[in-house]
Amino acid sequence: MSTKLHVGNLSRYTTEADLTNLFNRVGLVLSASIPVDARTGISKRFGFVSMTEEGALAAIQSFDGFMFQELPLSVNKT
């Protein structure tokens, strides 16, 4: 079973690979996505990460408030 996390306050330069690499530190990432504005192609500065339940709980504890690319992340279940 997987758990989907909402990751807020991303830098506009954060990539899906950046999210995957970060969250893989605490558990298996099944997918990561960062929506972009259809008109401009610019990141909406939030993303989604799907992980195992155990990994998701560890990610919330480890990364909610964590400084990433000079910004504090907001991480919670969707």
PDB file of N, CA and C in Angstrom:
ATOM      1  N   MET A   1       0.843  -1.188   0.000  1.00  0.00           N
ATOM      2  CA  MET A   1       0.000   0.000   0.000  1.00  0.00           C
ATOM      3  C   MET A   1       0.882   1.242   0.000  1.00  0.00           C
ATOM      4  N   SER A   2       0.480   2.256  -0.747  1.00  0.00           N
ATOM      5  CA  SER A   2       1.277   3.472  -0.812  1.00  0.00           C
ATOM      6  C   SER A   2       0.537   4.643  -0.167  1.00  0.00           C
ATOM      7  N   THR A   3       1.304   5.616   0.230  1.00  0.00           N
ATOM      8  CA  THR A   3       0.783   6.834   0.836  1.00  0.00           C
ATOM      9  C   THR A   3       1.278   8.012   0.018  1.00  0.00           C
ATOM     10  N   LYS A   4       0.361   8.936  -0.277  1.00  0.00           N
ATOM     11  CA  LYS A   4       0.710  10.111  -1.071  1.00  0.00           C
ATOM     12  C   LYS A   4       0.927  11.302  -0.139  1.00  0.00           C
ATOM     13  N   LEU A   5       2.055  11.955  -0.334  1.00  0.00           N
ATOM     14  CA  LEU A   5       2.404  13.131   0.463  1.00  0.00           C
ATOM     15  C   LEU A   5       2.332  14.391  -0.385  1.00  0.00           C
ATOM     16  N   HIS A   6       1.890  15.458   0.231  1.00  0.00           N
ATOM     17  CA  HIS A   6       1.941  16.788  -0.388  1.00  0.00           C
ATOM     18  C   HIS A   6       3.192  17.466   0.148  1.00  0.00           C
ATOM     19  N   VAL A   7       4.019  17.987  -0.744  1.00  0.00           N
ATOM     20  CA  VAL A   7       5.257  18.657  -0.355  1.00  0.00           C
ATOM     21  C   VAL A   7       5.148  20.104  -0.815  1.00  0.00           C
ATOM     22  N   GLY A   8       5.067  21.022   0.132  1.00  0.00           N
ATOM     23  CA  GLY A   8       4.884  22.430  -0.188  1.00  0.00           C
ATOM     24  C   GLY A   8       6.135  23.251   0.038  1.00  0.00           C
ATOM     25  N   ASN A   9       6.118  24.450  -0.524  1.00  0.00           N
ATOM     26  CA  ASN A   9       7.176  25.450  -0.398  1.00  0.00           C
ATOM     27  C   ASN A   9       8.460  25.027  -1.108  1.00  0.00           C
ATOM     28  N   LEU A  10       8.293  24.442  -2.291  1.00  0.00           N
ATOM     29  CA  LEU A  10       9.452  24.063  -3.101  1.00  0.00           C
ATOM     30  C   LEU A  10       9.999  25.282  -3.834  1.00  0.00           C
ATOM     31  N   SER A  11      11.274  25.237  -4.115  1.00  0.00           N
ATOM     32  CA  SER A  11      11.880  26.234  -4.983  1.00  0.00           C
ATOM     33  C   SER A  11      11.317  26.041  -6.387  1.00  0.00           C
ATOM     34  N   ARG A  12      11.234  27.094  -7.153  1.00  0.00           N
ATOM     35  CA  ARG A  12      10.751  26.948  -8.531  1.00  0.00           C
ATOM     36  C   ARG A  12      11.718  26.134  -9.381  1.00  0.00           C
ATOM     37  N   TYR A  13      12.926  25.915  -8.866  1.00  0.00           N
ATOM     38  CA  TYR A  13      13.943  25.151  -9.601  1.00  0.00           C
ATOM     39  C   TYR A  13      14.027  23.687  -9.175  1.00  0.00           C
ATOM     40  N   THR A  14      13.261  23.291  -8.161  1.00  0.00           N
ATOM     41  CA  THR A  14      13.275  21.908  -7.705  1.00  0.00           C
ATOM     42  C   THR A  14      12.719  21.000  -8.801  1.00  0.00           C
ATOM     43  N   THR A  15      13.396  19.871  -9.020  1.00  0.00           N
ATOM     44  CA  THR A  15      12.946  18.908 -10.026  1.00  0.00           C
ATOM     45  C   THR A  15      12.357  17.678  -9.351  1.00  0.00           C
ATOM     46  N   GLU A  16      11.679  16.868 -10.144  1.00  0.00           N
ATOM     47  CA  GLU A  16      11.148  15.617  -9.629  1.00  0.00           C
ATOM     48  C   GLU A  16      12.284  14.701  -9.174  1.00  0.00           C
ATOM     49  N   ALA A  17      13.412  14.757  -9.869  1.00  0.00           N
ATOM     50  CA  ALA A  17      14.585  13.964  -9.462  1.00  0.00           C
ATOM     51  C   ALA A  17      15.106  14.438  -8.107  1.00  0.00           C
ATOM     52  N   ASP A  18      15.093  15.759  -7.865  1.00  0.00           N
ATOM     53  CA  ASP A  18      15.516  16.290  -6.564  1.00  0.00           C
ATOM     54  C   ASP A  18      14.628  15.732  -5.445  1.00  0.00           C
ATOM     55  N   LEU A  19      13.308  15.746  -5.672  1.00  0.00           N
ATOM     56  CA  LEU A  19      12.375  15.226  -4.667  1.00  0.00           C
ATOM     57  C   LEU A  19      12.609  13.736  -4.424  1.00  0.00           C
ATOM     58  N   THR A  20      12.753  12.998  -5.506  1.00  0.00           N
ATOM     59  CA  THR A  20      12.989  11.556  -5.387  1.00  0.00           C
ATOM     60  C   THR A  20      14.259  11.278  -4.598  1.00  0.00           C
ATOM     61  N   ASN A  21      15.328  11.965  -4.924  1.00  0.00           N
ATOM     62  CA  ASN A  21      16.601  11.757  -4.222  1.00  0.00           C
ATOM     63  C   ASN A  21      16.492  12.089  -2.742  1.00  0.00           C
ATOM     64  N   LEU A  22      15.814  13.173  -2.411  1.00  0.00           N
ATOM     65  CA  LEU A  22      15.667  13.562  -1.008  1.00  0.00           C
ATOM     66  C   LEU A  22      14.849  12.522  -0.240  1.00  0.00           C
ATOM     67  N   PHE A  23      13.684  12.181  -0.757  1.00  0.00           N
ATOM     68  CA  PHE A  23      12.779  11.301  -0.028  1.00  0.00           C
ATOM     69  C   PHE A  23      13.271   9.852  -0.008  1.00  0.00           C
ATOM     70  N   ASN A  24      14.092   9.464  -0.962  1.00  0.00           N
ATOM     71  CA  ASN A  24      14.679   8.123  -0.940  1.00  0.00           C
ATOM     72  C   ASN A  24      15.609   7.926   0.255  1.00  0.00           C
ATOM     73  N   ARG A  25      16.018   9.000   0.906  1.00  0.00           N
ATOM     74  CA  ARG A  25      16.874   8.897   2.092  1.00  0.00           C
ATOM     75  C   ARG A  25      16.175   8.190   3.243  1.00  0.00           C
ATOM     76  N   VAL A  26      14.836   8.274   3.270  1.00  0.00           N
ATOM     77  CA  VAL A  26      14.102   7.716   4.403  1.00  0.00           C
ATOM     78  C   VAL A  26      13.172   6.570   4.033  1.00  0.00           C
ATOM     79  N   GLY A  27      12.992   6.296   2.749  1.00  0.00           N
ATOM     80  CA  GLY A  27      12.112   5.212   2.332  1.00  0.00           C
ATOM     81  C   GLY A  27      12.030   5.123   0.828  1.00  0.00           C
ATOM     82  N   LEU A  28      11.342   4.116   0.361  1.00  0.00           N
ATOM     83  CA  LEU A  28      11.215   3.879  -1.066  1.00  0.00           C
ATOM     84  C   LEU A  28      10.210   4.835  -1.695  1.00  0.00           C
ATOM     85  N   VAL A  29      10.673   5.630  -2.657  1.00  0.00           N
ATOM     86  CA  VAL A  29       9.789   6.527  -3.398  1.00  0.00           C
ATOM     87  C   VAL A  29       9.214   5.758  -4.580  1.00  0.00           C
ATOM     88  N   LEU A  30       7.897   5.724  -4.669  1.00  0.00           N
ATOM     89  CA  LEU A  30       7.222   5.046  -5.776  1.00  0.00           C
ATOM     90  C   LEU A  30       7.014   5.993  -6.948  1.00  0.00           C
ATOM     91  N   SER A  31       6.775   7.267  -6.653  1.00  0.00           N
ATOM     92  CA  SER A  31       6.652   8.289  -7.698  1.00  0.00           C
ATOM     93  C   SER A  31       6.787   9.669  -7.073  1.00  0.00           C
ATOM     94  N   ALA A  32       7.173  10.613  -7.906  1.00  0.00           N
ATOM     95  CA  ALA A  32       7.266  12.012  -7.473  1.00  0.00           C
ATOM     96  C   ALA A  32       6.841  12.886  -8.654  1.00  0.00           C
ATOM     97  N   SER A  33       6.068  13.919  -8.369  1.00  0.00           N
ATOM     98  CA  SER A  33       5.638  14.820  -9.433  1.00  0.00           C
ATOM     99  C   SER A  33       5.552  16.249  -8.907  1.00  0.00           C
ATOM    100  N   ILE A  34       5.813  17.178  -9.807  1.00  0.00           N
ATOM    101  CA  ILE A  34       5.698  18.603  -9.495  1.00  0.00           C
ATOM    102  C   ILE A  34       4.856  19.238 -10.602  1.00  0.00           C
ATOM    103  N   PRO A  35       3.638  19.679 -10.284  1.00  0.00           N
ATOM    104  CA  PRO A  35       2.800  20.304 -11.302  1.00  0.00           C
ATOM    105  C   PRO A  35       3.414  21.617 -11.799  1.00  0.00           C
ATOM    106  N   VAL A  36       3.180  21.899 -13.075  1.00  0.00           N
ATOM    107  CA  VAL A  36       3.636  23.159 -13.663  1.00  0.00           C
ATOM    108  C   VAL A  36       2.444  23.899 -14.253  1.00  0.00           C
ATOM    109  N   ASP A  37       2.550  25.198 -14.305  1.00  0.00           N
ATOM    110  CA  ASP A  37       1.524  26.030 -14.919  1.00  0.00           C
ATOM    111  C   ASP A  37       1.489  25.722 -16.415  1.00  0.00           C
ATOM    112  N   ALA A  38       0.319  25.399 -16.926  1.00  0.00           N
ATOM    113  CA  ALA A  38       0.190  25.012 -18.337  1.00  0.00           C
ATOM    114  C   ALA A  38       0.568  26.139 -19.292  1.00  0.00           C
ATOM    115  N   ARG A  39       0.334  27.358 -18.891  1.00  0.00           N
ATOM    116  CA  ARG A  39       0.611  28.496 -19.765  1.00  0.00           C
ATOM    117  C   ARG A  39       2.085  28.884 -19.768  1.00  0.00           C
ATOM    118  N   THR A  40       2.694  28.891 -18.583  1.00  0.00           N
ATOM    119  CA  THR A  40       4.074  29.386 -18.472  1.00  0.00           C
ATOM    120  C   THR A  40       5.116  28.277 -18.374  1.00  0.00           C
ATOM    121  N   GLY A  41       4.688  27.085 -17.949  1.00  0.00           N
ATOM    122  CA  GLY A  41       5.638  25.990 -17.750  1.00  0.00           C
ATOM    123  C   GLY A  41       6.445  26.115 -16.471  1.00  0.00           C
ATOM    124  N   ILE A  42       6.090  27.078 -15.625  1.00  0.00           N
ATOM    125  CA  ILE A  42       6.801  27.309 -14.367  1.00  0.00           C
ATOM    126  C   ILE A  42       6.177  26.461 -13.259  1.00  0.00           C
ATOM    127  N   SER A  43       7.035  25.907 -12.406  1.00  0.00           N
ATOM    128  CA  SER A  43       6.603  25.087 -11.290  1.00  0.00           C
ATOM    129  C   SER A  43       5.590  25.818 -10.418  1.00  0.00           C
ATOM    130  N   LYS A  44       4.609  25.070  -9.924  1.00  0.00           N
ATOM    131  CA  LYS A  44       3.629  25.641  -8.994  1.00  0.00           C
ATOM    132  C   LYS A  44       4.151  25.637  -7.556  1.00  0.00           C
ATOM    133  N   ARG A  45       5.409  25.178  -7.370  1.00  0.00           N
ATOM    134  CA  ARG A  45       6.126  25.229  -6.102  1.00  0.00           C
ATOM    135  C   ARG A  45       5.578  24.293  -5.035  1.00  0.00           C
ATOM    136  N   PHE A  46       4.884  23.241  -5.480  1.00  0.00           N
ATOM    137  CA  PHE A  46       4.513  22.152  -4.589  1.00  0.00           C
ATOM    138  C   PHE A  46       4.597  20.866  -5.397  1.00  0.00           C
ATOM    139  N   GLY A  47       4.589  19.751  -4.692  1.00  0.00           N
ATOM    140  CA  GLY A  47       4.678  18.483  -5.392  1.00  0.00           C
ATOM    141  C   GLY A  47       4.031  17.376  -4.602  1.00  0.00           C
ATOM    142  N   PHE A  48       4.066  16.193  -5.195  1.00  0.00           N
ATOM    143  CA  PHE A  48       3.497  15.007  -4.575  1.00  0.00           C
ATOM    144  C   PHE A  48       4.525  13.887  -4.632  1.00  0.00           C
ATOM    145  N   VAL A  49       4.632  13.154  -3.535  1.00  0.00           N
ATOM    146  CA  VAL A  49       5.529  12.005  -3.462  1.00  0.00           C
ATOM    147  C   VAL A  49       4.717  10.835  -2.930  1.00  0.00           C
ATOM    148  N   SER A  50       4.748   9.718  -3.661  1.00  0.00           N
ATOM    149  CA  SER A  50       4.101   8.491  -3.192  1.00  0.00           C
ATOM    150  C   SER A  50       5.180   7.562  -2.660  1.00  0.00           C
ATOM    151  N   MET A  51       4.927   7.046  -1.460  1.00  0.00           N
ATOM    152  CA  MET A  51       5.889   6.178  -0.776  1.00  0.00           C
ATOM    153  C   MET A  51       5.138   5.065  -0.066  1.00  0.00           C
ATOM    154  N   THR A  52       5.897   4.096   0.442  1.00  0.00           N
ATOM    155  CA  THR A  52       5.304   3.104   1.330  1.00  0.00           C
ATOM    156  C   THR A  52       4.813   3.831   2.581  1.00  0.00           C
ATOM    157  N   GLU A  53       3.894   3.234   3.285  1.00  0.00           N
ATOM    158  CA  GLU A  53       3.346   3.849   4.507  1.00  0.00           C
ATOM    159  C   GLU A  53       4.448   4.170   5.514  1.00  0.00           C
ATOM    160  N   GLU A  54       5.352   3.235   5.734  1.00  0.00           N
ATOM    161  CA  GLU A  54       6.440   3.450   6.693  1.00  0.00           C
ATOM    162  C   GLU A  54       7.354   4.576   6.236  1.00  0.00           C
ATOM    163  N   GLY A  55       7.682   4.597   4.956  1.00  0.00           N
ATOM    164  CA  GLY A  55       8.529   5.650   4.408  1.00  0.00           C
ATOM    165  C   GLY A  55       7.877   7.005   4.515  1.00  0.00           C
ATOM    166  N   ALA A  56       6.562   7.054   4.269  1.00  0.00           N
ATOM    167  CA  ALA A  56       5.833   8.320   4.339  1.00  0.00           C
ATOM    168  C   ALA A  56       5.851   8.896   5.752  1.00  0.00           C
ATOM    169  N   LEU A  57       5.655   8.041   6.743  1.00  0.00           N
ATOM    170  CA  LEU A  57       5.690   8.510   8.140  1.00  0.00           C
ATOM    171  C   LEU A  57       7.083   9.034   8.488  1.00  0.00           C
ATOM    172  N   ALA A  58       8.109   8.323   8.046  1.00  0.00           N
ATOM    173  CA  ALA A  58       9.483   8.773   8.292  1.00  0.00           C
ATOM    174  C   ALA A  58       9.760  10.085   7.561  1.00  0.00           C
ATOM    175  N   ALA A  59       9.218  10.240   6.359  1.00  0.00           N
ATOM    176  CA  ALA A  59       9.426  11.459   5.578  1.00  0.00           C
ATOM    177  C   ALA A  59       8.783  12.668   6.255  1.00  0.00           C
ATOM    178  N   ILE A  60       7.582  12.483   6.783  1.00  0.00           N
ATOM    179  CA  ILE A  60       6.914  13.593   7.471  1.00  0.00           C
ATOM    180  C   ILE A  60       7.741  14.023   8.680  1.00  0.00           C
ATOM    181  N   GLN A  61       8.195  13.049   9.464  1.00  0.00           N
ATOM    182  CA  GLN A  61       8.996  13.369  10.646  1.00  0.00           C
ATOM    183  C   GLN A  61      10.323  14.021  10.267  1.00  0.00           C
ATOM    184  N   SER A  62      10.932  13.552   9.184  1.00  0.00           N
ATOM    185  CA  SER A  62      12.261  14.037   8.803  1.00  0.00           C
ATOM    186  C   SER A  62      12.236  15.353   8.033  1.00  0.00           C
ATOM    187  N   PHE A  63      11.220  15.550   7.190  1.00  0.00           N
ATOM    188  CA  PHE A  63      11.292  16.651   6.234  1.00  0.00           C
ATOM    189  C   PHE A  63      10.278  17.771   6.423  1.00  0.00           C
ATOM    190  N   ASP A  64       9.301  17.618   7.314  1.00  0.00           N
ATOM    191  CA  ASP A  64       8.403  18.747   7.573  1.00  0.00           C
ATOM    192  C   ASP A  64       9.194  19.807   8.332  1.00  0.00           C
ATOM    193  N   GLY A  65       9.399  20.958   7.710  1.00  0.00           N
ATOM    194  CA  GLY A  65      10.208  22.024   8.290  1.00  0.00           C
ATOM    195  C   GLY A  65      11.673  21.958   7.891  1.00  0.00           C
ATOM    196  N   PHE A  66      12.071  20.920   7.167  1.00  0.00           N
ATOM    197  CA  PHE A  66      13.455  20.720   6.729  1.00  0.00           C
ATOM    198  C   PHE A  66      13.830  21.774   5.686  1.00  0.00           C
ATOM    199  N   MET A  67      15.003  22.380   5.865  1.00  0.00           N
ATOM    200  CA  MET A  67      15.476  23.369   4.889  1.00  0.00           C
ATOM    201  C   MET A  67      16.013  22.639   3.665  1.00  0.00           C
ATOM    202  N   PHE A  68      15.378  22.876   2.519  1.00  0.00           N
ATOM    203  CA  PHE A  68      15.767  22.243   1.255  1.00  0.00           C
ATOM    204  C   PHE A  68      15.837  23.321   0.189  1.00  0.00           C
ATOM    205  N   GLN A  69      16.993  23.462  -0.402  1.00  0.00           N
ATOM    206  CA  GLN A  69      17.233  24.493  -1.406  1.00  0.00           C
ATOM    207  C   GLN A  69      16.832  25.875  -0.863  1.00  0.00           C
ATOM    208  N   GLU A  70      17.239  26.095   0.392  1.00  0.00           N
ATOM    209  CA  GLU A  70      17.089  27.365   1.113  1.00  0.00           C
ATOM    210  C   GLU A  70      15.653  27.714   1.503  1.00  0.00           C
ATOM    211  N   LEU A  71      14.739  26.722   1.459  1.00  0.00           N
ATOM    212  CA  LEU A  71      13.358  26.954   1.869  1.00  0.00           C
ATOM    213  C   LEU A  71      12.898  25.839   2.804  1.00  0.00           C
ATOM    214  N   PRO A  72      12.093  26.179   3.835  1.00  0.00           N
ATOM    215  CA  PRO A  72      11.573  25.129   4.729  1.00  0.00           C
ATOM    216  C   PRO A  72      10.411  24.387   4.070  1.00  0.00           C
ATOM    217  N   LEU A  73      10.524  23.076   3.968  1.00  0.00           N
ATOM    218  CA  LEU A  73       9.476  22.280   3.340  1.00  0.00           C
ATOM    219  C   LEU A  73       8.292  22.104   4.270  1.00  0.00           C
ATOM    220  N   SER A  74       7.137  21.921   3.666  1.00  0.00           N
ATOM    221  CA  SER A  74       5.921  21.527   4.374  1.00  0.00           C
ATOM    222  C   SER A  74       5.546  20.153   3.814  1.00  0.00           C
ATOM    223  N   VAL A  75       5.488  19.141   4.683  1.00  0.00           N
ATOM    224  CA  VAL A  75       5.208  17.783   4.224  1.00  0.00           C
ATOM    225  C   VAL A  75       4.085  17.198   5.051  1.00  0.00           C
ATOM    226  N   ASN A  76       3.017  16.740   4.365  1.00  0.00           N
ATOM    227  CA  ASN A  76       1.904  16.089   5.053  1.00  0.00           C
ATOM    228  C   ASN A  76       1.182  15.140   4.117  1.00  0.00           C
ATOM    229  N   LYS A  77       0.367  14.264   4.691  1.00  0.00           N
ATOM    230  CA  LYS A  77      -0.425  13.338   3.884  1.00  0.00           C
ATOM    231  C   LYS A  77      -1.492  14.105   3.132  1.00  0.00           C
ATOM    232  N   THR A  78      -1.822  13.618   1.929  1.00  0.00           N
ATOM    233  CA  THR A  78      -2.899  14.263   1.169  1.00  0.00           C
ATOM    234  C   THR A  78      -4.228  13.721   1.602  1.00  0.00           C
TER     235      THR A  78
END
